[in-house]
Amino acid sequence: MKEKASKYIIKGVILLEVALAAFIVAGVVVGSVDLFRYFRIIYTTPPLETFSLLKTFLGHALLLVIGLELVIMLVRHTPASVIEVLLFATARKMIIEAETMVDILLGIISIGALFAINKFFSPGETLLEKGTIVSSATPIEEINKMIGTKIPEKLGYTLGGVITRLAQEKGKKPAVGQVYQIGDAEVSIYSMEGDLIKKLLIKNTNNGKDKEDDEK
């Protein structure tokens, strides 16, 4: 009974997130109309008074970009997408609201720290001796770049979607511990929430062969 209730709650939360993402997209589309109005206002404003208008225009445009990045974050559920939102938000803060060199310096330090986190700590993945744990919402293209695998992108957009599809083709229900071989990648289901795959453990089975070839 508790498992069924938790499953329905998880599905409900996902649906609410999708609905929220749709509302944000609609808001961005409506807000984009105002960008065209700025052109008319800027054109009819004396040259010496256009600075503040251009600043408002840029702030509005960057805010719309942040809205779109927020939608991607809600859909993908990856720490890397959170960093992208923070990067755009920090950049907007620097460009629009920075008034002193201290503000600009703090913005540069913040962006540098975000890039460092993205490069050295690899958000969204946990390295283990037996493989790498990734979110099921991670795109195949990102997986291939991150781990060096060659999973065909035509199989699906996200790794979780590909595994779900393979399980259905084999007549199985996804479950923790199941292992799937996709090209040079060995993927196992690491954790689930109800019927939904949450985390996957992926291993590049070609790593050893590649090293041997390099030595030769």
C-alpha atoms as a PDB file:
ATOM      1  CA  MET A   1       0.000   0.000   0.000  1.00  0.00           C
ATOM      2  CA  LYS A   2       2.823   2.393   0.907  1.00  0.00           C
ATOM      3  CA  GLU A   3       4.677   1.543  -2.316  1.00  0.00           C
ATOM      4  CA  LYS A   4       1.597   2.344  -4.416  1.00  0.00           C
ATOM      5  CA  ALA A   5       1.058   5.607  -2.557  1.00  0.00           C
ATOM      6  CA  SER A   6       4.703   6.642  -2.992  1.00  0.00           C
ATOM      7  CA  LYS A   7       4.547   5.722  -6.690  1.00  0.00           C
ATOM      8  CA  TYR A   8       1.487   7.934  -7.229  1.00  0.00           C
ATOM      9  CA  ILE A   9       3.086  10.781  -5.287  1.00  0.00           C
ATOM     10  CA  ILE A  10       6.265  10.595  -7.392  1.00  0.00           C
ATOM     11  CA  LYS A  11       4.268  10.563 -10.624  1.00  0.00           C
ATOM     12  CA  GLY A  12       2.195  13.481  -9.362  1.00  0.00           C
ATOM     13  CA  VAL A  13       5.309  15.491  -8.529  1.00  0.00           C
ATOM     14  CA  ILE A  14       6.756  14.785 -11.993  1.00  0.00           C
ATOM     15  CA  LEU A  15       3.512  15.899 -13.652  1.00  0.00           C
ATOM     16  CA  LEU A  16       3.490  19.083 -11.566  1.00  0.00           C
ATOM     17  CA  GLU A  17       7.092  19.807 -12.594  1.00  0.00           C
ATOM     18  CA  VAL A  18       6.188  19.309 -16.262  1.00  0.00           C
ATOM     19  CA  ALA A  19       3.171  21.604 -15.859  1.00  0.00           C
ATOM     20  CA  LEU A  20       5.357  24.207 -14.127  1.00  0.00           C
ATOM     21  CA  ALA A  21       7.920  23.958 -16.936  1.00  0.00           C
ATOM     22  CA  ALA A  22       5.119  24.474 -19.490  1.00  0.00           C
ATOM     23  CA  PHE A  23       3.919  27.591 -17.640  1.00  0.00           C
ATOM     24  CA  ILE A  24       7.466  28.979 -17.582  1.00  0.00           C
ATOM     25  CA  VAL A  25       7.815  28.380 -21.339  1.00  0.00           C
ATOM     26  CA  ALA A  26       4.488  30.134 -21.924  1.00  0.00           C
ATOM     27  CA  GLY A  27       5.658  33.043 -19.753  1.00  0.00           C
ATOM     28  CA  VAL A  28       8.907  33.300 -21.725  1.00  0.00           C
ATOM     29  CA  VAL A  29       6.994  33.339 -25.028  1.00  0.00           C
ATOM     30  CA  VAL A  30       4.692  36.099 -23.770  1.00  0.00           C
ATOM     31  CA  GLY A  31       7.635  38.008 -22.301  1.00  0.00           C
ATOM     32  CA  SER A  32       9.482  37.809 -25.630  1.00  0.00           C
ATOM     33  CA  VAL A  33       6.849  40.077 -27.191  1.00  0.00           C
ATOM     34  CA  ASP A  34       8.059  42.909 -24.972  1.00  0.00           C
ATOM     35  CA  LEU A  35      11.503  42.714 -26.594  1.00  0.00           C
ATOM     36  CA  PHE A  36      10.040  44.059 -29.838  1.00  0.00           C
ATOM     37  CA  ARG A  37       8.422  46.944 -27.944  1.00  0.00           C
ATOM     38  CA  TYR A  38      11.820  47.960 -26.594  1.00  0.00           C
ATOM     39  CA  PHE A  39      13.064  48.570 -30.142  1.00  0.00           C
ATOM     40  CA  ARG A  40      10.303  51.108 -30.779  1.00  0.00           C
ATOM     41  CA  ILE A  41      10.946  52.864 -27.468  1.00  0.00           C
ATOM     42  CA  ILE A  42      14.728  52.950 -27.982  1.00  0.00           C
ATOM     43  CA  TYR A  43      14.301  54.263 -31.547  1.00  0.00           C
ATOM     44  CA  THR A  44      12.130  57.185 -30.408  1.00  0.00           C
ATOM     45  CA  THR A  45      14.296  58.031 -27.375  1.00  0.00           C
ATOM     46  CA  PRO A  46      17.067  60.692 -27.592  1.00  0.00           C
ATOM     47  CA  PRO A  47      20.542  59.096 -27.902  1.00  0.00           C
ATOM     48  CA  LEU A  48      21.779  60.388 -24.542  1.00  0.00           C
ATOM     49  CA  GLU A  49      18.865  58.697 -22.740  1.00  0.00           C
ATOM     50  CA  THR A  50      19.090  55.242 -24.325  1.00  0.00           C
ATOM     51  CA  PHE A  51      21.655  53.794 -21.899  1.00  0.00           C
ATOM     52  CA  SER A  52      19.131  52.950 -19.169  1.00  0.00           C
ATOM     53  CA  LEU A  53      16.706  51.557 -21.762  1.00  0.00           C
ATOM     54  CA  LEU A  54      19.365  49.288 -23.264  1.00  0.00           C
ATOM     55  CA  LYS A  55      20.281  48.115 -19.781  1.00  0.00           C
ATOM     56  CA  THR A  56      16.637  47.245 -19.084  1.00  0.00           C
ATOM     57  CA  PHE A  57      16.386  45.528 -22.481  1.00  0.00           C
ATOM     58  CA  LEU A  58      19.433  43.335 -21.788  1.00  0.00           C
ATOM     59  CA  GLY A  59      18.166  42.512 -18.303  1.00  0.00           C
ATOM     60  CA  HIS A  60      14.810  41.431 -19.723  1.00  0.00           C
ATOM     61  CA  ALA A  61      16.441  39.282 -22.446  1.00  0.00           C
ATOM     62  CA  LEU A  62      18.783  37.563 -19.987  1.00  0.00           C
ATOM     63  CA  LEU A  63      15.888  36.910 -17.614  1.00  0.00           C
ATOM     64  CA  LEU A  64      14.068  35.083 -20.418  1.00  0.00           C
ATOM     65  CA  VAL A  65      17.182  32.991 -21.056  1.00  0.00           C
ATOM     66  CA  ILE A  66      17.331  32.098 -17.354  1.00  0.00           C
ATOM     67  CA  GLY A  67      13.676  31.048 -17.573  1.00  0.00           C
ATOM     68  CA  LEU A  68      14.457  28.647 -20.420  1.00  0.00           C
ATOM     69  CA  GLU A  69      17.452  27.222 -18.561  1.00  0.00           C
ATOM     70  CA  LEU A  70      15.191  26.710 -15.539  1.00  0.00           C
ATOM     71  CA  VAL A  71      12.835  24.661 -17.727  1.00  0.00           C
ATOM     72  CA  ILE A  72      15.770  22.460 -18.820  1.00  0.00           C
ATOM     73  CA  MET A  73      16.716  22.013 -15.159  1.00  0.00           C
ATOM     74  CA  LEU A  74      13.184  20.889 -14.255  1.00  0.00           C
ATOM     75  CA  VAL A  75      13.062  18.428 -17.144  1.00  0.00           C
ATOM     76  CA  ARG A  76      16.579  16.954 -16.956  1.00  0.00           C
ATOM     77  CA  HIS A  77      17.022  16.804 -13.156  1.00  0.00           C
ATOM     78  CA  THR A  78      20.822  16.951 -13.379  1.00  0.00           C
ATOM     79  CA  PRO A  79      23.197  18.963 -11.148  1.00  0.00           C
ATOM     80  CA  ALA A  80      24.951  20.184 -14.313  1.00  0.00           C
ATOM     81  CA  SER A  81      21.748  21.919 -15.429  1.00  0.00           C
ATOM     82  CA  VAL A  82      21.552  23.650 -12.032  1.00  0.00           C
ATOM     83  CA  ILE A  83      25.059  25.024 -12.589  1.00  0.00           C
ATOM     84  CA  GLU A  84      24.011  26.351 -16.020  1.00  0.00           C
ATOM     85  CA  VAL A  85      21.106  28.246 -14.427  1.00  0.00           C
ATOM     86  CA  LEU A  86      23.443  29.705 -11.790  1.00  0.00           C
ATOM     87  CA  LEU A  87      25.941  30.737 -14.490  1.00  0.00           C
ATOM     88  CA  PHE A  88      23.313  32.690 -16.422  1.00  0.00           C
ATOM     89  CA  ALA A  89      21.899  34.213 -13.232  1.00  0.00           C
ATOM     90  CA  THR A  90      25.363  35.334 -12.105  1.00  0.00           C
ATOM     91  CA  ALA A  91      26.164  36.731 -15.564  1.00  0.00           C
ATOM     92  CA  ARG A  92      22.920  38.731 -15.544  1.00  0.00           C
ATOM     93  CA  LYS A  93      23.695  40.059 -12.066  1.00  0.00           C
ATOM     94  CA  MET A  94      27.138  41.203 -13.230  1.00  0.00           C
ATOM     95  CA  ILE A  95      26.023  42.798 -16.502  1.00  0.00           C
ATOM     96  CA  ILE A  96      22.890  44.522 -15.250  1.00  0.00           C
ATOM     97  CA  GLU A  97      23.293  45.239 -11.548  1.00  0.00           C
ATOM     98  CA  ALA A  98      27.055  45.506 -10.931  1.00  0.00           C
ATOM     99  CA  GLU A  99      27.932  49.085  -9.974  1.00  0.00           C
ATOM    100  CA  THR A 100      31.457  48.829  -8.547  1.00  0.00           C
ATOM    101  CA  MET A 101      34.611  46.877  -9.343  1.00  0.00           C
ATOM    102  CA  VAL A 102      34.025  44.849  -6.179  1.00  0.00           C
ATOM    103  CA  ASP A 103      30.681  43.647  -7.573  1.00  0.00           C
ATOM    104  CA  ILE A 104      32.341  42.659 -10.855  1.00  0.00           C
ATOM    105  CA  LEU A 105      35.200  40.909  -9.026  1.00  0.00           C
ATOM    106  CA  LEU A 106      32.766  38.910  -6.883  1.00  0.00           C
ATOM    107  CA  GLY A 107      30.837  37.945 -10.037  1.00  0.00           C
ATOM    108  CA  ILE A 108      34.032  36.766 -11.758  1.00  0.00           C
ATOM    109  CA  ILE A 109      34.992  34.708  -8.692  1.00  0.00           C
ATOM    110  CA  SER A 110      31.503  33.160  -8.592  1.00  0.00           C
ATOM    111  CA  ILE A 111      31.587  32.199 -12.271  1.00  0.00           C
ATOM    112  CA  GLY A 112      35.132  30.838 -11.885  1.00  0.00           C
ATOM    113  CA  ALA A 113      34.003  28.724  -8.924  1.00  0.00           C
ATOM    114  CA  LEU A 114      31.064  27.324 -10.920  1.00  0.00           C
ATOM    115  CA  PHE A 115      33.363  26.411 -13.822  1.00  0.00           C
ATOM    116  CA  ALA A 116      35.783  24.768 -11.377  1.00  0.00           C
ATOM    117  CA  ILE A 117      32.972  22.700  -9.848  1.00  0.00           C
ATOM    118  CA  ASN A 118      31.817  21.669 -13.316  1.00  0.00           C
ATOM    119  CA  LYS A 119      35.339  20.658 -14.411  1.00  0.00           C
ATOM    120  CA  PHE A 120      36.899  19.049 -11.372  1.00  0.00           C
ATOM    121  CA  PHE A 121      33.944  17.655  -9.417  1.00  0.00           C
ATOM    122  CA  SER A 122      31.875  16.515 -12.442  1.00  0.00           C
ATOM    123  CA  PRO A 123      28.369  17.262 -11.094  1.00  0.00           C
ATOM    124  CA  GLY A 124      25.789  14.631 -11.872  1.00  0.00           C
ATOM    125  CA  GLU A 125      28.196  11.718 -11.657  1.00  0.00           C
ATOM    126  CA  THR A 126      29.901   9.744  -8.925  1.00  0.00           C
ATOM    127  CA  LEU A 127      33.058   7.918  -9.915  1.00  0.00           C
ATOM    128  CA  LEU A 128      33.505   4.424  -8.521  1.00  0.00           C
ATOM    129  CA  GLU A 129      36.022   1.700  -9.276  1.00  0.00           C
ATOM    130  CA  LYS A 130      33.245  -0.371 -10.826  1.00  0.00           C
ATOM    131  CA  GLY A 131      31.726   2.408 -12.899  1.00  0.00           C
ATOM    132  CA  THR A 132      30.008   5.781 -12.882  1.00  0.00           C
ATOM    133  CA  ILE A 133      26.642   6.610 -11.349  1.00  0.00           C
ATOM    134  CA  VAL A 134      24.564   8.995 -13.469  1.00  0.00           C
ATOM    135  CA  SER A 135      21.016  10.305 -13.474  1.00  0.00           C
ATOM    136  CA  SER A 136      18.565   8.497 -15.743  1.00  0.00           C
ATOM    137  CA  ALA A 137      17.742  11.886 -17.296  1.00  0.00           C
ATOM    138  CA  THR A 138      21.306  12.374 -18.560  1.00  0.00           C
ATOM    139  CA  PRO A 139      21.375  12.658 -22.390  1.00  0.00           C
ATOM    140  CA  ILE A 140      23.218   9.948 -24.344  1.00  0.00           C
ATOM    141  CA  GLU A 141      25.413  12.588 -26.006  1.00  0.00           C
ATOM    142  CA  GLU A 142      26.559  13.845 -22.598  1.00  0.00           C
ATOM    143  CA  ILE A 143      27.198  10.278 -21.390  1.00  0.00           C
ATOM    144  CA  ASN A 144      29.436   9.536 -24.388  1.00  0.00           C
ATOM    145  CA  LYS A 145      31.475  12.694 -23.830  1.00  0.00           C
ATOM    146  CA  MET A 146      31.715  12.187 -20.072  1.00  0.00           C
ATOM    147  CA  ILE A 147      32.702   8.507 -20.002  1.00  0.00           C
ATOM    148  CA  GLY A 148      34.095   7.974 -23.494  1.00  0.00           C
ATOM    149  CA  THR A 149      31.499   5.423 -24.567  1.00  0.00           C
ATOM    150  CA  LYS A 150      29.983   5.099 -28.021  1.00  0.00           C
ATOM    151  CA  ILE A 151      26.300   4.502 -27.268  1.00  0.00           C
ATOM    152  CA  PRO A 152      24.278   5.106 -30.479  1.00  0.00           C
ATOM    153  CA  GLU A 153      22.257   8.299 -30.005  1.00  0.00           C
ATOM    154  CA  LYS A 154      19.534   6.948 -32.310  1.00  0.00           C
ATOM    155  CA  LEU A 155      18.462   4.556 -29.519  1.00  0.00           C
ATOM    156  CA  GLY A 156      16.991   7.433 -27.495  1.00  0.00           C
ATOM    157  CA  TYR A 157      17.671  10.836 -25.978  1.00  0.00           C
ATOM    158  CA  THR A 158      18.320   9.892 -22.339  1.00  0.00           C
ATOM    159  CA  LEU A 159      20.052   6.849 -20.872  1.00  0.00           C
ATOM    160  CA  GLY A 160      17.042   6.065 -18.695  1.00  0.00           C
ATOM    161  CA  GLY A 161      14.778   6.105 -21.744  1.00  0.00           C
ATOM    162  CA  VAL A 162      17.081   3.708 -23.599  1.00  0.00           C
ATOM    163  CA  ILE A 163      17.187   1.246 -20.685  1.00  0.00           C
ATOM    164  CA  THR A 164      13.398   1.376 -20.275  1.00  0.00           C
ATOM    165  CA  ARG A 165      13.007   0.665 -23.981  1.00  0.00           C
ATOM    166  CA  LEU A 166      15.449  -2.261 -23.880  1.00  0.00           C
ATOM    167  CA  ALA A 167      13.662  -3.725 -20.856  1.00  0.00           C
ATOM    168  CA  GLN A 168      10.321  -3.527 -22.668  1.00  0.00           C
ATOM    169  CA  GLU A 169      11.784  -5.197 -25.757  1.00  0.00           C
ATOM    170  CA  LYS A 170      12.967  -8.082 -23.576  1.00  0.00           C
ATOM    171  CA  GLY A 171       9.583  -8.290 -21.863  1.00  0.00           C
ATOM    172  CA  LYS A 172      11.058  -7.274 -18.509  1.00  0.00           C
ATOM    173  CA  LYS A 173      10.014  -4.762 -15.899  1.00  0.00           C
ATOM    174  CA  PRO A 174      12.933  -2.455 -14.929  1.00  0.00           C
ATOM    175  CA  ALA A 175      14.374  -3.447 -11.565  1.00  0.00           C
ATOM    176  CA  VAL A 176      17.427  -2.628  -9.462  1.00  0.00           C
ATOM    177  CA  GLY A 177      20.399  -4.807 -10.412  1.00  0.00           C
ATOM    178  CA  GLN A 178      19.423  -5.494 -14.020  1.00  0.00           C
ATOM    179  CA  VAL A 179      22.395  -5.212 -16.405  1.00  0.00           C
ATOM    180  CA  TYR A 180      22.285  -4.191 -20.071  1.00  0.00           C
ATOM    181  CA  GLN A 181      25.109  -4.193 -22.600  1.00  0.00           C
ATOM    182  CA  ILE A 182      24.872  -1.325 -25.108  1.00  0.00           C
ATOM    183  CA  GLY A 183      27.839  -1.322 -27.466  1.00  0.00           C
ATOM    184  CA  ASP A 184      30.920  -0.644 -25.357  1.00  0.00           C
ATOM    185  CA  ALA A 185      28.850   0.346 -22.315  1.00  0.00           C
ATOM    186  CA  GLU A 186      27.671  -1.907 -19.515  1.00  0.00           C
ATOM    187  CA  VAL A 187      24.688  -0.272 -17.803  1.00  0.00           C
ATOM    188  CA  SER A 188      22.963  -1.502 -14.647  1.00  0.00           C
ATOM    189  CA  ILE A 189      19.989  -0.045 -12.807  1.00  0.00           C
ATOM    190  CA  TYR A 190      21.351   1.416  -9.545  1.00  0.00           C
ATOM    191  CA  SER A 191      18.196   2.856  -7.938  1.00  0.00           C
ATOM    192  CA  MET A 192      14.503   3.416  -8.690  1.00  0.00           C
ATOM    193  CA  GLU A 193      11.549   5.452  -7.419  1.00  0.00           C
ATOM    194  CA  GLY A 194       8.473   3.308  -7.849  1.00  0.00           C
ATOM    195  CA  ASP A 195       8.465   2.188 -11.495  1.00  0.00           C
ATOM    196  CA  LEU A 196      10.793   4.990 -12.583  1.00  0.00           C
ATOM    197  CA  ILE A 197      14.530   4.551 -13.006  1.00  0.00           C
ATOM    198  CA  LYS A 198      16.387   7.135 -10.912  1.00  0.00           C
ATOM    199  CA  LYS A 199      20.117   6.294 -11.087  1.00  0.00           C
ATOM    200  CA  LEU A 200      22.160   4.111 -13.435  1.00  0.00           C
ATOM    201  CA  LEU A 201      25.628   2.618 -13.058  1.00  0.00           C
ATOM    202  CA  ILE A 202      27.559   2.740 -16.326  1.00  0.00           C
ATOM    203  CA  LYS A 203      30.958   1.246 -17.159  1.00  0.00           C
ATOM    204  CA  ASN A 204      33.028   1.646 -20.300  1.00  0.00           C
ATOM    205  CA  THR A 205      34.004  -1.941 -21.129  1.00  0.00           C
ATOM    206  CA  ASN A 206      36.402  -0.729 -23.825  1.00  0.00           C
ATOM    207  CA  ASN A 207      38.734   1.149 -21.483  1.00  0.00           C
ATOM    208  CA  GLY A 208      41.075  -1.763 -20.988  1.00  0.00           C
ATOM    209  CA  LYS A 209      41.215  -2.535 -24.700  1.00  0.00           C
ATOM    210  CA  ASP A 210      41.907   1.089 -25.564  1.00  0.00           C
ATOM    211  CA  LYS A 211      44.862   1.178 -23.151  1.00  0.00           C
ATOM    212  CA  GLU A 212      46.294  -2.049 -24.639  1.00  0.00           C
ATOM    213  CA  ASP A 213      45.957  -0.623 -28.152  1.00  0.00           C
ATOM    214  CA  ASP A 214      47.708   2.587 -27.082  1.00  0.00           C
ATOM    215  CA  GLU A 215      50.601   0.629 -25.588  1.00  0.00           C
ATOM    216  CA  LYS A 216      50.997  -1.357 -28.797  1.00  0.00           C
END
